[in-house]
Amino acid sequence: MAKQLWKWLIYLTNNEETSRHEQQFDVAFLIINTIALIAGVFMFIAANSAEWIPVLFIEYTWAFDNMRNNRS
């Protein structure tokens, strides 16, 4: 089960057959950003500022896209 989860996380964070970068960093980045997204949504709801939630999602998807595609 753990090996399948790791394989899935690597698939999410890398768009190449063979990774050219630190896989552990990318998985940690994905997990931390996902936690920050969820916490930010709850924070904005609690502060009655739900209009900022789309900005969180835009930033999250931008970071995720950069992690997967802007490697050299």
PDB file of N, CA and C in Angstrom:
ATOM      1  N   MET A   1       0.817  -1.199   0.000  1.00  0.00           N
ATOM      2  CA  MET A   1       0.000   0.000   0.000  1.00  0.00           C
ATOM      3  C   MET A   1       0.862   1.266   0.000  1.00  0.00           C
ATOM      4  N   ALA A   2       1.884   1.293   0.847  1.00  0.00           N
ATOM      5  CA  ALA A   2       2.756   2.464   0.931  1.00  0.00           C
ATOM      6  C   ALA A   2       3.512   2.669  -0.378  1.00  0.00           C
ATOM      7  N   LYS A   3       3.931   1.581  -1.007  1.00  0.00           N
ATOM      8  CA  LYS A   3       4.659   1.685  -2.274  1.00  0.00           C
ATOM      9  C   LYS A   3       3.744   2.224  -3.379  1.00  0.00           C
ATOM     10  N   GLN A   4       2.485   1.803  -3.373  1.00  0.00           N
ATOM     11  CA  GLN A   4       1.532   2.307  -4.361  1.00  0.00           C
ATOM     12  C   GLN A   4       1.259   3.796  -4.137  1.00  0.00           C
ATOM     13  N   LEU A   5       1.138   4.202  -2.877  1.00  0.00           N
ATOM     14  CA  LEU A   5       0.922   5.614  -2.564  1.00  0.00           C
ATOM     15  C   LEU A   5       2.116   6.453  -3.024  1.00  0.00           C
ATOM     16  N   TRP A   6       3.334   5.968  -2.746  1.00  0.00           N
ATOM     17  CA  TRP A   6       4.536   6.687  -3.168  1.00  0.00           C
ATOM     18  C   TRP A   6       4.577   6.794  -4.692  1.00  0.00           C
ATOM     19  N   LYS A   7       4.263   5.707  -5.386  1.00  0.00           N
ATOM     20  CA  LYS A   7       4.262   5.714  -6.850  1.00  0.00           C
ATOM     21  C   LYS A   7       3.247   6.730  -7.384  1.00  0.00           C
ATOM     22  N   TRP A   8       2.091   6.817  -6.754  1.00  0.00           N
ATOM     23  CA  TRP A   8       1.064   7.770  -7.164  1.00  0.00           C
ATOM     24  C   TRP A   8       1.527   9.211  -6.920  1.00  0.00           C
ATOM     25  N   LEU A   9       2.157   9.455  -5.766  1.00  0.00           N
ATOM     26  CA  LEU A   9       2.667  10.796  -5.468  1.00  0.00           C
ATOM     27  C   LEU A   9       3.755  11.207  -6.455  1.00  0.00           C
ATOM     28  N   ILE A  10       4.617  10.280  -6.816  1.00  0.00           N
ATOM     29  CA  ILE A  10       5.660  10.575  -7.807  1.00  0.00           C
ATOM     30  C   ILE A  10       5.023  10.877  -9.158  1.00  0.00           C
ATOM     31  N   TYR A  11       3.990  10.120  -9.501  1.00  0.00           N
ATOM     32  CA  TYR A  11       3.270  10.378 -10.759  1.00  0.00           C
ATOM     33  C   TYR A  11       2.666  11.789 -10.754  1.00  0.00           C
ATOM     34  N   LEU A  12       2.083  12.196  -9.631  1.00  0.00           N
ATOM     35  CA  LEU A  12       1.478  13.531  -9.542  1.00  0.00           C
ATOM     36  C   LEU A  12       2.507  14.647  -9.675  1.00  0.00           C
ATOM     37  N   THR A  13       3.683  14.437  -9.133  1.00  0.00           N
ATOM     38  CA  THR A  13       4.666  15.515  -9.044  1.00  0.00           C
ATOM     39  C   THR A  13       5.693  15.528 -10.164  1.00  0.00           C
ATOM     40  N   ASN A  14       5.645  14.564 -11.075  1.00  0.00           N
ATOM     41  CA  ASN A  14       6.662  14.495 -12.119  1.00  0.00           C
ATOM     42  C   ASN A  14       6.010  14.141 -13.440  1.00  0.00           C
ATOM     43  N   ASN A  15       6.330  14.861 -14.498  1.00  0.00           N
ATOM     44  CA  ASN A  15       5.744  14.591 -15.800  1.00  0.00           C
ATOM     45  C   ASN A  15       6.701  13.891 -16.751  1.00  0.00           C
ATOM     46  N   GLU A  16       7.780  13.348 -16.236  1.00  0.00           N
ATOM     47  CA  GLU A  16       8.766  12.673 -17.073  1.00  0.00           C
ATOM     48  C   GLU A  16       8.894  11.209 -16.671  1.00  0.00           C
ATOM     49  N   GLU A  17       9.436  10.415 -17.579  1.00  0.00           N
ATOM     50  CA  GLU A  17       9.660   8.995 -17.281  1.00  0.00           C
ATOM     51  C   GLU A  17      10.624   8.826 -16.102  1.00  0.00           C
ATOM     52  N   THR A  18      11.737   9.555 -16.165  1.00  0.00           N
ATOM     53  CA  THR A  18      12.755   9.495 -15.125  1.00  0.00           C
ATOM     54  C   THR A  18      12.889  10.878 -14.506  1.00  0.00           C
ATOM     55  N   SER A  19      12.786  10.937 -13.205  1.00  0.00           N
ATOM     56  CA  SER A  19      12.858  12.221 -12.524  1.00  0.00           C
ATOM     57  C   SER A  19      14.271  12.786 -12.580  1.00  0.00           C
ATOM     58  N   ARG A  20      14.374  14.101 -12.798  1.00  0.00           N
ATOM     59  CA  ARG A  20      15.673  14.778 -12.823  1.00  0.00           C
ATOM     60  C   ARG A  20      15.880  15.640 -11.580  1.00  0.00           C
ATOM     61  N   HIS A  21      15.082  15.427 -10.557  1.00  0.00           N
ATOM     62  CA  HIS A  21      15.147  16.285  -9.380  1.00  0.00           C
ATOM     63  C   HIS A  21      14.804  15.475  -8.141  1.00  0.00           C
ATOM     64  N   GLU A  22      14.813  16.124  -7.005  1.00  0.00           N
ATOM     65  CA  GLU A  22      14.583  15.469  -5.724  1.00  0.00           C
ATOM     66  C   GLU A  22      13.117  15.093  -5.554  1.00  0.00           C
ATOM     67  N   GLN A  23      12.827  13.817  -5.617  1.00  0.00           N
ATOM     68  CA  GLN A  23      11.443  13.362  -5.494  1.00  0.00           C
ATOM     69  C   GLN A  23      10.882  13.620  -4.099  1.00  0.00           C
ATOM     70  N   GLN A  24      11.685  13.443  -3.074  1.00  0.00           N
ATOM     71  CA  GLN A  24      11.210  13.661  -1.709  1.00  0.00           C
ATOM     72  C   GLN A  24      10.806  15.114  -1.505  1.00  0.00           C
ATOM     73  N   PHE A  25      11.567  16.044  -2.058  1.00  0.00           N
ATOM     74  CA  PHE A  25      11.234  17.458  -1.944  1.00  0.00           C
ATOM     75  C   PHE A  25       9.900  17.749  -2.616  1.00  0.00           C
ATOM     76  N   ASP A  26       9.708  17.200  -3.806  1.00  0.00           N
ATOM     77  CA  ASP A  26       8.467  17.463  -4.535  1.00  0.00           C
ATOM     78  C   ASP A  26       7.253  16.887  -3.827  1.00  0.00           C
ATOM     79  N   VAL A  27       7.385  15.707  -3.258  1.00  0.00           N
ATOM     80  CA  VAL A  27       6.261  15.116  -2.520  1.00  0.00           C
ATOM     81  C   VAL A  27       5.970  15.945  -1.275  1.00  0.00           C
ATOM     82  N   ALA A  28       7.022  16.365  -0.559  1.00  0.00           N
ATOM     83  CA  ALA A  28       6.826  17.218   0.615  1.00  0.00           C
ATOM     84  C   ALA A  28       6.173  18.542   0.215  1.00  0.00           C
ATOM     85  N   PHE A  29       6.619  19.125  -0.894  1.00  0.00           N
ATOM     86  CA  PHE A  29       6.047  20.365  -1.408  1.00  0.00           C
ATOM     87  C   PHE A  29       4.559  20.192  -1.700  1.00  0.00           C
ATOM     88  N   LEU A  30       4.204  19.097  -2.344  1.00  0.00           N
ATOM     89  CA  LEU A  30       2.804  18.820  -2.655  1.00  0.00           C
ATOM     90  C   LEU A  30       1.967  18.686  -1.386  1.00  0.00           C
ATOM     91  N   ILE A  31       2.463  17.942  -0.425  1.00  0.00           N
ATOM     92  CA  ILE A  31       1.717  17.722   0.818  1.00  0.00           C
ATOM     93  C   ILE A  31       1.568  19.027   1.600  1.00  0.00           C
ATOM     94  N   ILE A  32       2.639  19.775   1.741  1.00  0.00           N
ATOM     95  CA  ILE A  32       2.587  21.037   2.492  1.00  0.00           C
ATOM     96  C   ILE A  32       1.667  22.040   1.807  1.00  0.00           C
ATOM     97  N   ASN A  33       1.755  22.149   0.494  1.00  0.00           N
ATOM     98  CA  ASN A  33       0.878  23.084  -0.219  1.00  0.00           C
ATOM     99  C   ASN A  33      -0.582  22.671  -0.137  1.00  0.00           C
ATOM    100  N   THR A  34      -0.850  21.374  -0.159  1.00  0.00           N
ATOM    101  CA  THR A  34      -2.230  20.904  -0.041  1.00  0.00           C
ATOM    102  C   THR A  34      -2.782  21.214   1.345  1.00  0.00           C
ATOM    103  N   ILE A  35      -1.988  20.997   2.372  1.00  0.00           N
ATOM    104  CA  ILE A  35      -2.413  21.338   3.739  1.00  0.00           C
ATOM    105  C   ILE A  35      -2.645  22.843   3.862  1.00  0.00           C
ATOM    106  N   ALA A  36      -1.744  23.634   3.271  1.00  0.00           N
ATOM    107  CA  ALA A  36      -1.905  25.098   3.309  1.00  0.00           C
ATOM    108  C   ALA A  36      -3.166  25.529   2.576  1.00  0.00           C
ATOM    109  N   LEU A  37      -3.477  24.883   1.476  1.00  0.00           N
ATOM    110  CA  LEU A  37      -4.704  25.208   0.737  1.00  0.00           C
ATOM    111  C   LEU A  37      -5.931  24.937   1.587  1.00  0.00           C
ATOM    112  N   ILE A  38      -5.981  23.765   2.197  1.00  0.00           N
ATOM    113  CA  ILE A  38      -7.137  23.403   3.025  1.00  0.00           C
ATOM    114  C   ILE A  38      -7.251  24.333   4.233  1.00  0.00           C
ATOM    115  N   ALA A  39      -6.128  24.584   4.905  1.00  0.00           N
ATOM    116  CA  ALA A  39      -6.142  25.486   6.060  1.00  0.00           C
ATOM    117  C   ALA A  39      -6.542  26.902   5.642  1.00  0.00           C
ATOM    118  N   GLY A  40      -6.059  27.356   4.484  1.00  0.00           N
ATOM    119  CA  GLY A  40      -6.411  28.685   4.005  1.00  0.00           C
ATOM    120  C   GLY A  40      -7.887  28.817   3.698  1.00  0.00           C
ATOM    121  N   VAL A  41      -8.476  27.778   3.126  1.00  0.00           N
ATOM    122  CA  VAL A  41      -9.918  27.809   2.850  1.00  0.00           C
ATOM    123  C   VAL A  41     -10.686  27.971   4.154  1.00  0.00           C
ATOM    124  N   PHE A  42     -10.344  27.168   5.160  1.00  0.00           N
ATOM    125  CA  PHE A  42     -11.021  27.274   6.453  1.00  0.00           C
ATOM    126  C   PHE A  42     -10.784  28.632   7.097  1.00  0.00           C
ATOM    127  N   MET A  43      -9.569  29.159   6.958  1.00  0.00           N
ATOM    128  CA  MET A  43      -9.256  30.464   7.551  1.00  0.00           C
ATOM    129  C   MET A  43     -10.097  31.569   6.902  1.00  0.00           C
ATOM    130  N   PHE A  44     -10.194  31.552   5.582  1.00  0.00           N
ATOM    131  CA  PHE A  44     -10.982  32.575   4.900  1.00  0.00           C
ATOM    132  C   PHE A  44     -12.472  32.444   5.190  1.00  0.00           C
ATOM    133  N   ILE A  45     -12.954  31.222   5.327  1.00  0.00           N
ATOM    134  CA  ILE A  45     -14.367  31.038   5.699  1.00  0.00           C
ATOM    135  C   ILE A  45     -14.609  31.581   7.106  1.00  0.00           C
ATOM    136  N   ALA A  46     -13.702  31.265   8.033  1.00  0.00           N
ATOM    137  CA  ALA A  46     -13.854  31.730   9.415  1.00  0.00           C
ATOM    138  C   ALA A  46     -13.768  33.259   9.502  1.00  0.00           C
ATOM    139  N   ALA A  47     -12.965  33.870   8.634  1.00  0.00           N
ATOM    140  CA  ALA A  47     -12.809  35.329   8.648  1.00  0.00           C
ATOM    141  C   ALA A  47     -13.872  36.028   7.799  1.00  0.00           C
ATOM    142  N   ASN A  48     -14.798  35.254   7.285  1.00  0.00           N
ATOM    143  CA  ASN A  48     -15.882  35.786   6.446  1.00  0.00           C
ATOM    144  C   ASN A  48     -15.317  36.520   5.219  1.00  0.00           C
ATOM    145  N   SER A  49     -14.262  35.941   4.635  1.00  0.00           N
ATOM    146  CA  SER A  49     -13.626  36.503   3.446  1.00  0.00           C
ATOM    147  C   SER A  49     -13.511  35.443   2.359  1.00  0.00           C
ATOM    148  N   ALA A  50     -14.621  34.771   2.100  1.00  0.00           N
ATOM    149  CA  ALA A  50     -14.602  33.653   1.153  1.00  0.00           C
ATOM    150  C   ALA A  50     -14.241  34.073  -0.268  1.00  0.00           C
ATOM    151  N   GLU A  51     -14.308  35.356  -0.573  1.00  0.00           N
ATOM    152  CA  GLU A  51     -13.975  35.801  -1.922  1.00  0.00           C
ATOM    153  C   GLU A  51     -12.504  35.563  -2.270  1.00  0.00           C
ATOM    154  N   TRP A  52     -11.653  35.312  -1.259  1.00  0.00           N
ATOM    155  CA  TRP A  52     -10.236  35.059  -1.497  1.00  0.00           C
ATOM    156  C   TRP A  52      -9.928  33.589  -1.767  1.00  0.00           C
ATOM    157  N   ILE A  53     -10.886  32.715  -1.593  1.00  0.00           N
ATOM    158  CA  ILE A  53     -10.649  31.282  -1.808  1.00  0.00           C
ATOM    159  C   ILE A  53     -10.224  30.985  -3.248  1.00  0.00           C
ATOM    160  N   PRO A  54     -10.836  31.583  -4.271  1.00  0.00           N
ATOM    161  CA  PRO A  54     -10.344  31.312  -5.636  1.00  0.00           C
ATOM    162  C   PRO A  54      -8.878  31.681  -5.840  1.00  0.00           C
ATOM    163  N   VAL A  55      -8.414  32.728  -5.161  1.00  0.00           N
ATOM    164  CA  VAL A  55      -7.003  33.105  -5.269  1.00  0.00           C
ATOM    165  C   VAL A  55      -6.119  31.983  -4.733  1.00  0.00           C
ATOM    166  N   LEU A  56      -6.520  31.359  -3.642  1.00  0.00           N
ATOM    167  CA  LEU A  56      -5.758  30.228  -3.108  1.00  0.00           C
ATOM    168  C   LEU A  56      -5.665  29.099  -4.122  1.00  0.00           C
ATOM    169  N   PHE A  57      -6.781  28.782  -4.757  1.00  0.00           N
ATOM    170  CA  PHE A  57      -6.783  27.705  -5.743  1.00  0.00           C
ATOM    171  C   PHE A  57      -5.928  28.054  -6.962  1.00  0.00           C
ATOM    172  N   ILE A  58      -5.965  29.301  -7.379  1.00  0.00           N
ATOM    173  CA  ILE A  58      -5.125  29.722  -8.506  1.00  0.00           C
ATOM    174  C   ILE A  58      -3.653  29.588  -8.148  1.00  0.00           C
ATOM    175  N   GLU A  59      -3.263  30.040  -6.975  1.00  0.00           N
ATOM    176  CA  GLU A  59      -1.871  29.920  -6.537  1.00  0.00           C
ATOM    177  C   GLU A  59      -1.450  28.461  -6.387  1.00  0.00           C
ATOM    178  N   TYR A  60      -2.345  27.642  -5.861  1.00  0.00           N
ATOM    179  CA  TYR A  60      -2.060  26.216  -5.687  1.00  0.00           C
ATOM    180  C   TYR A  60      -1.830  25.551  -7.041  1.00  0.00           C
ATOM    181  N   THR A  61      -2.709  25.799  -7.994  1.00  0.00           N
ATOM    182  CA  THR A  61      -2.558  25.164  -9.301  1.00  0.00           C
ATOM    183  C   THR A  61      -1.346  25.714 -10.047  1.00  0.00           C
ATOM    184  N   TRP A  62      -1.030  27.000  -9.855  1.00  0.00           N
ATOM    185  CA  TRP A  62       0.162  27.570 -10.473  1.00  0.00           C
ATOM    186  C   TRP A  62       1.424  26.893  -9.926  1.00  0.00           C
ATOM    187  N   ALA A  63       1.498  26.733  -8.620  1.00  0.00           N
ATOM    188  CA  ALA A  63       2.657  26.080  -8.005  1.00  0.00           C
ATOM    189  C   ALA A  63       2.757  24.622  -8.454  1.00  0.00           C
ATOM    190  N   PHE A  64       1.630  23.949  -8.521  1.00  0.00           N
ATOM    191  CA  PHE A  64       1.607  22.553  -8.942  1.00  0.00           C
ATOM    192  C   PHE A  64       2.064  22.429 -10.397  1.00  0.00           C
ATOM    193  N   ASP A  65       1.612  23.327 -11.248  1.00  0.00           N
ATOM    194  CA  ASP A  65       2.013  23.312 -12.651  1.00  0.00           C
ATOM    195  C   ASP A  65       3.504  23.581 -12.793  1.00  0.00           C
ATOM    196  N   ASN A  66       4.012  24.527 -12.043  1.00  0.00           N
ATOM    197  CA  ASN A  66       5.459  24.811 -12.089  1.00  0.00           C
ATOM    198  C   ASN A  66       6.264  23.614 -11.628  1.00  0.00           C
ATOM    199  N   MET A  67       5.812  22.944 -10.600  1.00  0.00           N
ATOM    200  CA  MET A  67       6.534  21.787 -10.083  1.00  0.00           C
ATOM    201  C   MET A  67       6.616  20.692 -11.153  1.00  0.00           C
ATOM    202  N   ARG A  68       5.551  20.487 -11.889  1.00  0.00           N
ATOM    203  CA  ARG A  68       5.517  19.411 -12.875  1.00  0.00           C
ATOM    204  C   ARG A  68       6.185  19.762 -14.203  1.00  0.00           C
ATOM    205  N   ASN A  69       6.125  20.996 -14.643  1.00  0.00           N
ATOM    206  CA  ASN A  69       6.473  21.306 -16.021  1.00  0.00           C
ATOM    207  C   ASN A  69       7.683  22.217 -16.233  1.00  0.00           C
ATOM    208  N   ASN A  70       8.087  22.991 -15.275  1.00  0.00           N
ATOM    209  CA  ASN A  70       9.181  23.945 -15.501  1.00  0.00           C
ATOM    210  C   ASN A  70      10.496  23.437 -14.938  1.00  0.00           C
ATOM    211  N   ARG A  71      10.925  22.324 -15.443  1.00  0.00           N
ATOM    212  CA  ARG A  71      12.197  21.743 -14.999  1.00  0.00           C
ATOM    213  C   ARG A  71      13.225  21.849 -16.127  1.00  0.00           C
ATOM    214  N   SER A  72      14.457  22.083 -15.734  1.00  0.00           N
ATOM    215  CA  SER A  72      15.505  22.104 -16.756  1.00  0.00           C
ATOM    216  C   SER A  72      16.712  21.353 -16.270  1.00  0.00           C
TER     217      SER A  72
END
